[in-house]
Amino acid sequence: LNKMAEARGNLVLAPLYFPEEISILKEHDYCLIDRLKDIPLPCLVCEETLNNPESAREDFLKHLLEEHRIVIHNANVISSMKRYAGYWKSRLKEKPITDFMTVIRSYSTPSRDGPGEDYFLLSDVIKEDSELRKQLHLQRLKAILSVQERERRDKTFNRMCLFCSATFPERIQYFEHMKEQHNFNIGHADNIVFVADFLEALQQKLEKFQCLYCDKYFKDRPTLKDHMRKKQHRKLDPKNTSYDKYYMVNYLEQGKTWREISKEKDHEVISHPSAKEDSDLSDWTEENPALHCLFCAKSLKEWPDMKNHFLVSHNFTTSSSSSGEKLDFYSQVKAVNYIRRQVYFKRCPMCDLEFSETDVLQDHMKSTSHSGLPSDSRTWNQTQYLFSTYENDALLYCLDEEEEESKQNDDTETQEDPEASPLPEEAVETLLGNHLLTELYRNENVDIEQI
């Protein structure tokens, strides 16, 4: 088969991948990742707006307390105060403040003489507020992941080492060089975000002859290098929180940095096996990978939609062959990978006719109704097609669902069949007595090793 494929030029020398969608961070999403852009902050009650990028959040909280006696609990962990404030401002226009906030009465004296003052506490004890904070956290995490993915695919990276004149065109090579050659380990490149800003901040410190660990200043670069070598300061101070924003771990859990996460005990992190059955995955928000059509350029997110597209647009189903015979899971895998391979090489999956362009092939399959499998199953039902044509073909993961649905339908039909009944005991004994292995054993001319 390999020789035949080579003769036809059908050798795949590297893994194939469908192009992945890259989410682009929009301008209005920058408030999630940069506090300097998390403005303006509208007051929840009045028309006051806080705009100072450097102090907007502090001014906002101070204004709420002094002017309206409103306190926001754990305000420092809210991912975007701009979106948080905008949401509650609109809600307070619909209903009175006491419907959402806890009222706390404060007195000026221990004896509680006098009328006292009411303060309003807005906290995540309220379900609506808790859900809002979770949604903002997930939005920020998605935005951070979008930035990180863009940095991973950046082909313009070209930077000189912080400690020598070596230049590297890739991030991973850059970080590995500093670790291996200069014993400066700041983590793996895939665990870091805002790489350019991070490296620029470190570069500026070194240009000021400032130690990266203790922040002390020195008269020149040789003295700084000698200090960092002798004191073993070729590392970053883990207590320095200014570096937290450059590490992905600090965005994973709401209100927690790597310090809090590392302090958690194993028994608090690892749940009992019995708890796995009751775990709630309702907050899982990862998007489904794109499902690519076998015959055209259509891509969809949901398997039922793709099945409907197959049937309506191509009169095709993955669960049966061209003759209508039902296919098991492994046969479906072979069928999908066969069609993928044929289309990749611009060959019709049914008649094997080769074309110069994919568009021409698609027109041919549509006009001749060749969107399917050839009638001779030996063409596609081969072991080699158990291996994925495309490494990230999400369609293959949906075939399990297809087979499970078929089994459930078959079971339902069997249960609903009024004529279905268990075999009598005599019939079972007869079948066992005529079993093929029994016959082979009785036949003295049969070589058992051939079985």
Protein backbone atom coordinates (compact mmCIF):
# COMPACT_ATOMS: atom_id res chain seq x y z
CA LEU A 1 0.00 0.00 0.00
CA ASN A 2 2.87 2.37 0.83
CA LYS A 3 4.43 1.82 -2.59
CA MET A 4 1.09 2.43 -4.29
CA ALA A 5 0.57 5.61 -2.29
CA GLU A 6 4.08 6.83 -3.04
CA ALA A 7 3.54 6.22 -6.73
CA ARG A 8 0.43 8.34 -6.58
CA GLY A 9 2.14 11.03 -4.49
CA ASN A 10 -0.20 10.41 -1.55
CA LEU A 11 2.33 10.36 1.26
CA VAL A 12 1.68 12.58 4.28
CA LEU A 13 5.10 13.37 5.74
CA ALA A 14 3.89 15.51 8.65
CA PRO A 15 0.76 15.63 10.87
CA LEU A 16 -2.19 17.47 9.37
CA TYR A 17 -4.20 20.00 11.39
CA PHE A 18 -7.36 21.93 10.73
CA PRO A 19 -6.80 25.68 11.13
CA GLU A 20 -7.75 26.70 14.68
CA GLU A 21 -9.83 29.75 15.44
CA ILE A 22 -7.95 32.41 17.41
CA SER A 23 -10.13 34.66 19.54
CA ILE A 24 -9.15 38.28 19.02
CA LEU A 25 -9.25 40.53 22.08
CA LYS A 26 -11.57 43.45 21.38
CA GLU A 27 -10.89 46.99 22.56
CA HIS A 28 -13.71 46.98 25.12
CA ASP A 29 -12.27 43.82 26.72
CA TYR A 30 -9.03 45.50 27.79
CA CYS A 31 -10.77 46.67 30.97
CA LEU A 32 -10.57 43.01 32.08
CA ILE A 33 -6.78 42.78 31.94
CA ASP A 34 -5.57 46.34 32.55
CA ARG A 35 -6.79 48.40 35.51
CA LEU A 36 -5.58 51.57 33.86
CA LYS A 37 -8.20 50.95 31.16
CA ASP A 38 -10.92 49.82 33.59
CA ILE A 39 -12.55 53.27 33.45
CA PRO A 40 -14.75 55.26 33.65
CA LEU A 41 -16.43 54.01 36.82
CA PRO A 42 -20.04 55.21 37.14
CA CYS A 43 -21.50 55.70 40.61
CA LEU A 44 -24.21 53.14 41.42
CA VAL A 45 -26.63 55.82 42.66
CA CYS A 46 -25.82 59.28 41.32
CA GLU A 47 -24.40 60.60 38.05
CA GLU A 48 -20.82 60.96 39.35
CA THR A 49 -18.15 59.29 37.19
CA LEU A 50 -14.56 58.53 38.22
CA ASN A 51 -12.02 58.76 35.39
CA ASN A 52 -8.53 58.96 36.88
CA PRO A 53 -6.68 55.83 35.60
CA GLU A 54 -4.29 55.81 38.55
CA SER A 55 -6.86 56.08 41.36
CA ALA A 56 -10.30 55.51 39.83
CA ARG A 57 -11.05 52.35 41.84
CA GLU A 58 -10.01 53.88 45.18
CA ASP A 59 -11.90 57.11 44.40
CA PHE A 60 -14.95 55.08 43.39
CA LEU A 61 -15.06 53.09 46.65
CA LYS A 62 -14.43 56.23 48.72
CA HIS A 63 -17.26 58.08 46.94
CA LEU A 64 -19.71 55.22 47.54
CA LEU A 65 -18.86 55.10 51.25
CA GLU A 66 -18.87 58.84 51.96
CA GLU A 67 -21.75 59.93 49.74
CA HIS A 68 -24.07 56.91 49.77
CA ARG A 69 -22.85 54.72 52.67
CA ILE A 70 -22.38 51.79 50.31
CA VAL A 71 -19.61 49.25 50.94
CA ILE A 72 -18.50 46.70 48.35
CA HIS A 73 -17.05 43.62 50.01
CA ASN A 74 -13.77 42.21 48.61
CA ALA A 75 -13.69 44.86 45.88
CA ASN A 76 -10.03 44.10 45.17
CA VAL A 77 -10.84 40.69 43.64
CA ILE A 78 -13.46 41.97 41.17
CA SER A 79 -12.05 41.45 37.68
CA SER A 80 -13.57 44.56 36.12
CA MET A 81 -15.01 47.27 38.35
CA LYS A 82 -16.24 49.10 35.26
CA ARG A 83 -18.52 46.24 34.21
CA TYR A 84 -19.43 45.45 37.81
CA ALA A 85 -20.51 49.03 38.51
CA GLY A 86 -22.36 49.31 35.21
CA TYR A 87 -24.36 46.17 35.98
CA TRP A 88 -25.44 47.24 39.47
CA LYS A 89 -26.22 50.80 38.35
CA SER A 90 -28.76 49.44 35.88
CA ARG A 91 -30.20 47.01 38.47
CA LEU A 92 -30.64 49.75 41.08
CA LYS A 93 -32.75 51.67 38.57
CA GLU A 94 -35.17 48.74 38.49
CA LYS A 95 -35.53 47.99 42.22
CA PRO A 96 -34.74 49.71 45.54
CA ILE A 97 -31.30 49.28 47.10
CA THR A 98 -32.63 47.19 50.00
CA ASP A 99 -33.67 44.43 47.58
CA PHE A 100 -30.02 43.73 46.76
CA MET A 101 -27.87 44.89 49.68
CA THR A 102 -27.59 43.95 53.33
CA VAL A 103 -28.54 46.83 55.64
CA ILE A 104 -26.16 47.41 58.58
CA ARG A 105 -27.15 49.98 61.22
CA SER A 106 -24.26 51.85 62.86
CA TYR A 107 -24.42 53.82 66.08
CA SER A 108 -22.03 56.54 67.25
CA THR A 109 -22.00 55.33 70.88
CA PRO A 110 -21.74 51.89 72.52
CA SER A 111 -25.10 52.48 74.21
CA ARG A 112 -26.70 52.82 70.80
CA ASP A 113 -28.40 56.05 71.68
CA GLY A 114 -29.85 58.04 68.84
CA PRO A 115 -31.24 57.01 65.46
CA GLY A 116 -28.02 55.59 64.01
CA GLU A 117 -27.01 55.39 60.34
CA ASP A 118 -27.75 52.70 57.79
CA TYR A 119 -24.92 51.35 55.68
CA PHE A 120 -25.48 49.09 52.68
CA LEU A 121 -23.23 46.09 52.07
CA LEU A 122 -22.93 44.67 48.56
CA SER A 123 -21.21 41.28 48.75
CA ASP A 124 -21.01 37.89 47.09
CA VAL A 125 -23.28 36.49 49.81
CA ILE A 126 -26.04 37.65 47.49
CA LYS A 127 -26.40 35.01 44.76
CA GLU A 128 -26.76 37.56 41.95
CA ASP A 129 -23.59 39.34 43.02
CA SER A 130 -21.69 36.04 43.34
CA GLU A 131 -22.74 34.97 39.84
CA LEU A 132 -21.74 38.37 38.44
CA ARG A 133 -18.26 38.10 39.98
CA LYS A 134 -17.83 34.58 38.59
CA GLN A 135 -18.85 35.71 35.11
CA LEU A 136 -16.41 38.62 35.21
CA HIS A 137 -13.65 36.27 36.36
CA LEU A 138 -14.35 33.87 33.49
CA GLN A 139 -14.40 36.78 31.04
CA ARG A 140 -11.01 37.94 32.30
CA LEU A 141 -9.55 34.42 32.13
CA LYS A 142 -10.79 34.08 28.55
CA ALA A 143 -9.24 37.45 27.67
CA ILE A 144 -5.90 36.46 29.26
CA LEU A 145 -5.89 33.16 27.38
CA SER A 146 -6.58 35.06 24.17
CA VAL A 147 -3.54 37.28 24.80
CA GLN A 148 -1.38 34.27 25.62
CA GLU A 149 -2.46 32.39 22.49
CA ARG A 150 -1.69 35.43 20.35
CA GLU A 151 1.78 35.65 21.92
CA ARG A 152 2.42 31.96 21.27
CA ARG A 153 1.68 32.43 17.58
CA ASP A 154 3.63 35.66 17.28
CA LYS A 155 6.19 35.29 14.50
CA THR A 156 7.75 38.70 15.10
CA PHE A 157 9.42 37.83 18.42
CA ASN A 158 13.12 38.65 18.21
CA ARG A 159 14.88 39.64 21.39
CA MET A 160 18.41 39.79 22.77
CA CYS A 161 19.23 37.97 25.99
CA LEU A 162 19.13 40.01 29.21
CA PHE A 163 22.66 38.95 30.13
CA CYS A 164 24.54 38.45 26.84
CA SER A 165 24.38 39.41 23.17
CA ALA A 166 22.65 36.23 21.93
CA THR A 167 19.41 36.86 20.02
CA PHE A 168 16.50 34.44 19.70
CA PRO A 169 13.50 34.37 17.33
CA GLU A 170 11.33 32.21 19.61
CA ARG A 171 10.15 32.66 23.18
CA ILE A 172 10.81 29.10 24.32
CA GLN A 173 14.40 29.19 23.06
CA TYR A 174 14.88 32.55 24.79
CA PHE A 175 13.74 31.31 28.20
CA GLU A 176 15.64 28.01 27.90
CA HIS A 177 18.84 29.91 27.03
CA MET A 178 18.61 32.13 30.12
CA LYS A 179 17.93 29.08 32.30
CA GLU A 180 20.71 26.88 30.93
CA GLN A 181 23.41 29.47 30.17
CA HIS A 182 22.82 32.04 32.92
CA ASN A 183 21.02 30.00 35.59
CA PHE A 184 18.15 32.52 35.46
CA ASN A 185 14.88 30.63 35.67
CA ILE A 186 11.68 32.67 35.66
CA GLY A 187 9.41 29.85 34.52
CA HIS A 188 8.33 28.16 31.32
CA ALA A 189 7.27 30.39 28.45
CA ASP A 190 3.84 28.74 28.27
CA ASN A 191 3.11 29.73 31.87
CA ILE A 192 3.79 33.43 31.26
CA VAL A 193 1.61 36.11 29.70
CA PHE A 194 2.41 39.68 28.60
CA VAL A 195 5.90 38.41 27.76
CA ALA A 196 7.08 41.57 26.03
CA ASP A 197 6.06 43.79 28.96
CA PHE A 198 7.62 41.34 31.43
CA LEU A 199 10.98 41.24 29.68
CA GLU A 200 10.94 44.99 29.15
CA ALA A 201 10.39 45.55 32.90
CA LEU A 202 13.36 43.29 33.70
CA GLN A 203 15.49 45.02 31.05
CA GLN A 204 14.76 48.46 32.49
CA LYS A 205 15.86 47.30 35.95
CA LEU A 206 19.14 45.98 34.58
CA GLU A 207 19.74 49.20 32.65
CA LYS A 208 19.39 51.11 35.93
CA PHE A 209 21.90 48.66 37.51
CA GLN A 210 19.17 47.40 39.81
CA CYS A 211 19.19 43.85 41.20
CA LEU A 212 16.25 41.77 39.96
CA TYR A 213 15.83 40.08 43.34
CA CYS A 214 16.54 42.60 46.11
CA ASP A 215 15.97 45.80 44.04
CA LYS A 216 19.23 47.38 45.28
CA TYR A 217 21.03 49.79 42.96
CA PHE A 218 24.73 49.57 41.99
CA LYS A 219 27.22 51.93 40.35
CA ASP A 220 27.75 49.92 37.16
CA ARG A 221 26.83 46.69 35.39
CA PRO A 222 29.93 44.64 36.39
CA THR A 223 29.27 45.40 40.06
CA LEU A 224 25.62 44.40 39.62
CA LYS A 225 26.57 41.14 37.90
CA ASP A 226 29.07 40.33 40.62
CA HIS A 227 26.45 40.99 43.30
CA MET A 228 23.80 38.81 41.63
CA ARG A 229 26.33 36.00 41.21
CA LYS A 230 27.71 36.07 44.76
CA LYS A 231 24.36 36.53 46.47
CA GLN A 232 22.65 34.04 44.14
CA HIS A 233 20.20 36.73 43.12
CA ARG A 234 19.76 35.52 39.57
CA LYS A 235 16.09 34.96 40.26
CA LEU A 236 12.97 36.93 41.10
CA ASP A 237 11.73 37.59 44.61
CA PRO A 238 8.52 35.55 45.07
CA LYS A 239 7.31 38.15 47.59
CA ASN A 240 7.39 40.87 44.92
CA THR A 241 3.74 41.10 43.85
CA SER A 242 4.52 43.35 40.88
CA TYR A 243 5.43 40.22 38.90
CA ASP A 244 2.15 38.40 39.62
CA LYS A 245 0.36 39.78 36.57
CA TYR A 246 2.84 38.03 34.27
CA TYR A 247 2.05 34.49 35.47
CA MET A 248 -1.02 32.55 34.31
CA VAL A 249 -1.48 30.79 37.66
CA ASN A 250 -2.60 34.07 39.22
CA TYR A 251 -5.62 34.25 36.89
CA LEU A 252 -6.94 30.72 37.27
CA GLU A 253 -8.93 30.99 40.51
CA GLN A 254 -11.04 33.94 41.50
CA GLY A 255 -9.42 36.04 44.21
CA LYS A 256 -6.41 33.72 44.60
CA THR A 257 -2.78 34.14 43.65
CA TRP A 258 -0.18 31.38 43.53
CA ARG A 259 0.60 32.07 47.20
CA GLU A 260 -2.89 31.15 48.40
CA ILE A 261 -3.05 28.16 46.07
CA SER A 262 0.31 26.81 47.24
CA LYS A 263 -0.76 27.06 50.89
CA GLU A 264 -3.80 24.87 50.35
CA LYS A 265 -3.37 21.43 51.84
CA ASP A 266 -3.68 18.32 49.74
CA HIS A 267 -6.81 17.15 51.50
CA GLU A 268 -8.48 20.46 50.70
CA VAL A 269 -7.60 20.22 47.03
CA ILE A 270 -8.12 16.52 46.39
CA SER A 271 -11.67 15.41 47.04
CA HIS A 272 -12.77 11.94 48.06
CA PRO A 273 -13.46 9.48 45.22
CA SER A 274 -17.14 9.42 46.13
CA ALA A 275 -17.32 13.18 45.60
CA LYS A 276 -16.35 12.82 41.95
CA GLU A 277 -19.76 11.38 41.16
CA ASP A 278 -21.48 14.42 42.64
CA SER A 279 -19.14 17.04 41.19
CA ASP A 280 -20.85 19.94 39.49
CA LEU A 281 -19.49 20.82 36.05
CA SER A 282 -22.16 23.40 35.33
CA ASP A 283 -19.56 26.19 35.32
CA TRP A 284 -17.55 24.54 32.54
CA THR A 285 -17.63 27.15 29.81
CA GLU A 286 -15.07 25.91 27.31
CA GLU A 287 -16.35 26.20 23.74
CA ASN A 288 -16.73 23.13 21.61
CA PRO A 289 -14.03 22.73 18.95
CA ALA A 290 -15.12 23.31 15.36
CA LEU A 291 -16.47 20.32 13.43
CA HIS A 292 -15.37 20.41 9.80
CA CYS A 293 -17.52 18.91 7.07
CA LEU A 294 -16.06 15.94 5.20
CA PHE A 295 -17.02 17.24 1.77
CA CYS A 296 -17.15 21.06 1.85
CA ALA A 297 -15.72 24.03 3.76
CA LYS A 298 -18.62 24.20 6.22
CA SER A 299 -17.72 24.13 9.94
CA LEU A 300 -20.15 23.95 12.85
CA LYS A 301 -19.91 23.78 16.64
CA GLU A 302 -22.55 21.16 17.47
CA TRP A 303 -22.67 17.51 16.36
CA PRO A 304 -26.46 17.41 15.75
CA ASP A 305 -26.10 20.41 13.43
CA MET A 306 -23.28 18.70 11.53
CA LYS A 307 -25.29 15.46 11.21
CA ASN A 308 -28.17 17.47 9.79
CA HIS A 309 -25.79 19.23 7.38
CA PHE A 310 -24.43 15.86 6.19
CA LEU A 311 -27.94 14.60 5.52
CA VAL A 312 -29.46 17.72 3.94
CA SER A 313 -26.47 18.98 1.92
CA HIS A 314 -24.69 15.73 1.05
CA ASN A 315 -27.24 12.94 1.64
CA PHE A 316 -24.65 11.25 3.85
CA THR A 317 -24.56 9.69 7.29
CA THR A 318 -21.54 8.42 9.20
CA SER A 319 -23.48 5.54 10.76
CA SER A 320 -24.11 3.54 7.57
CA SER A 321 -22.35 2.58 4.35
CA SER A 322 -23.48 3.38 0.82
CA SER A 323 -25.45 0.10 0.78
CA GLY A 324 -27.28 1.03 3.97
CA GLU A 325 -25.35 -1.36 6.20
CA LYS A 326 -24.87 -0.09 9.77
CA LEU A 327 -21.27 0.70 10.71
CA ASP A 328 -19.75 0.10 14.12
CA PHE A 329 -17.51 2.67 15.80
CA TYR A 330 -14.23 1.47 14.25
CA SER A 331 -15.74 1.29 10.78
CA GLN A 332 -16.99 4.85 11.16
CA VAL A 333 -13.49 5.98 12.16
CA LYS A 334 -12.04 4.30 9.06
CA ALA A 335 -14.71 5.86 6.85
CA VAL A 336 -14.10 9.39 8.17
CA ASN A 337 -10.31 9.15 7.89
CA TYR A 338 -10.56 7.66 4.39
CA ILE A 339 -12.76 10.50 3.15
CA ARG A 340 -10.54 13.09 4.84
CA ARG A 341 -7.47 11.66 3.14
CA GLN A 342 -9.10 11.48 -0.29
CA VAL A 343 -10.36 15.06 -0.11
CA TYR A 344 -6.97 16.27 1.15
CA PHE A 345 -5.35 14.80 -1.98
CA LYS A 346 -8.20 16.24 -4.12
CA ARG A 347 -9.55 12.78 -5.05
CA CYS A 348 -13.18 11.83 -5.18
CA PRO A 349 -13.87 9.37 -2.34
CA MET A 350 -16.26 7.32 -4.49
CA CYS A 351 -14.76 7.21 -8.00
CA ASP A 352 -11.13 8.10 -7.08
CA LEU A 353 -10.98 10.72 -9.83
CA GLU A 354 -8.26 13.31 -9.16
CA PHE A 355 -8.73 17.08 -9.53
CA SER A 356 -6.42 20.05 -9.61
CA GLU A 357 -8.38 22.20 -7.13
CA THR A 358 -10.51 21.45 -4.08
CA ASP A 359 -13.34 23.64 -5.38
CA VAL A 360 -13.52 21.57 -8.56
CA LEU A 361 -13.61 18.38 -6.51
CA GLN A 362 -16.45 19.74 -4.38
CA ASP A 363 -18.44 20.66 -7.51
CA HIS A 364 -17.84 17.16 -8.86
CA MET A 365 -19.03 15.46 -5.64
CA LYS A 366 -22.13 17.64 -5.56
CA SER A 367 -23.09 17.21 -9.23
CA THR A 368 -22.50 13.43 -9.28
CA SER A 369 -23.77 12.72 -5.73
CA HIS A 370 -20.37 11.29 -4.87
CA SER A 371 -20.39 12.59 -1.31
CA GLY A 372 -20.01 9.25 0.35
CA LEU A 373 -18.18 5.93 0.46
CA PRO A 374 -17.44 3.63 -2.49
CA SER A 375 -19.60 0.52 -2.75
CA ASP A 376 -16.57 -1.76 -2.34
CA SER A 377 -15.81 -1.55 1.38
CA ARG A 378 -12.34 -3.00 0.84
CA THR A 379 -11.29 0.39 -0.50
CA TRP A 380 -11.81 2.19 2.81
CA ASN A 381 -12.23 -0.54 5.46
CA GLN A 382 -8.48 -0.87 6.07
CA THR A 383 -6.44 -0.74 9.26
CA GLN A 384 -4.41 2.26 8.07
CA TYR A 385 -7.53 4.44 8.30
CA LEU A 386 -7.81 3.87 12.05
CA PHE A 387 -5.12 6.56 12.31
CA SER A 388 -6.36 10.15 12.16
CA THR A 389 -5.79 12.01 8.92
CA TYR A 390 -6.02 15.27 10.87
CA GLU A 391 -4.60 15.28 14.41
CA ASN A 392 -7.23 17.71 15.70
CA ASP A 393 -10.28 16.24 13.93
CA ALA A 394 -13.02 16.82 16.52
CA LEU A 395 -15.51 14.91 14.36
CA LEU A 396 -13.93 11.63 15.46
CA TYR A 397 -14.88 12.29 19.09
CA CYS A 398 -18.54 12.58 18.10
CA LEU A 399 -18.73 9.09 16.60
CA ASP A 400 -19.04 7.62 20.10
CA GLU A 401 -22.25 9.57 20.56
CA GLU A 402 -23.52 8.31 17.24
CA GLU A 403 -22.93 4.68 18.21
CA GLU A 404 -24.45 5.14 21.68
CA GLU A 405 -27.58 6.63 20.14
CA SER A 406 -27.81 3.67 17.75
CA LYS A 407 -27.47 1.20 20.63
CA GLN A 408 -30.14 2.99 22.64
CA ASN A 409 -32.48 2.93 19.64
CA ASP A 410 -31.79 -0.78 19.12
CA ASP A 411 -32.43 -1.51 22.79
CA THR A 412 -35.67 0.46 22.68
CA GLU A 413 -36.84 -1.45 19.63
CA THR A 414 -36.04 -4.75 21.31
CA GLN A 415 -37.94 -3.82 24.45
CA GLU A 416 -40.96 -2.67 22.49
CA ASP A 417 -41.08 -5.85 20.36
CA PRO A 418 -44.08 -7.85 21.68
CA GLU A 419 -42.82 -11.04 20.04
CA ALA A 420 -39.41 -10.89 21.75
CA SER A 421 -39.08 -13.51 24.50
CA PRO A 422 -36.28 -15.50 26.14
CA LEU A 423 -35.27 -18.80 24.52
CA PRO A 424 -36.54 -21.98 26.16
CA GLU A 425 -33.97 -23.92 28.15
CA GLU A 426 -34.07 -26.79 25.68
CA ALA A 427 -33.23 -24.47 22.80
CA VAL A 428 -30.25 -23.04 24.70
CA GLU A 429 -28.88 -26.54 25.35
CA THR A 430 -29.31 -27.40 21.67
CA LEU A 431 -27.40 -24.29 20.57
CA LEU A 432 -24.59 -25.00 23.01
CA GLY A 433 -24.41 -28.59 21.89
CA ASN A 434 -23.98 -27.51 18.26
CA HIS A 435 -21.37 -24.81 19.06
CA LEU A 436 -18.67 -24.45 16.45
CA LEU A 437 -15.87 -25.13 18.94
CA THR A 438 -17.57 -28.36 19.99
CA GLU A 439 -17.73 -29.53 16.39
CA LEU A 440 -14.08 -28.64 15.80
CA TYR A 441 -13.03 -30.48 18.94
CA ARG A 442 -14.91 -33.60 17.87
CA ASN A 443 -13.29 -33.53 14.43
CA GLU A 444 -9.98 -35.37 14.83
CA ASN A 445 -8.68 -34.07 11.47
CA VAL A 446 -8.68 -30.42 12.63
CA ASP A 447 -5.42 -28.92 13.82
CA ILE A 448 -6.25 -26.94 16.95
CA GLU A 449 -3.45 -24.40 16.25
CA GLN A 450 -5.36 -23.31 13.14
CA ILE A 451 -8.28 -22.14 15.23
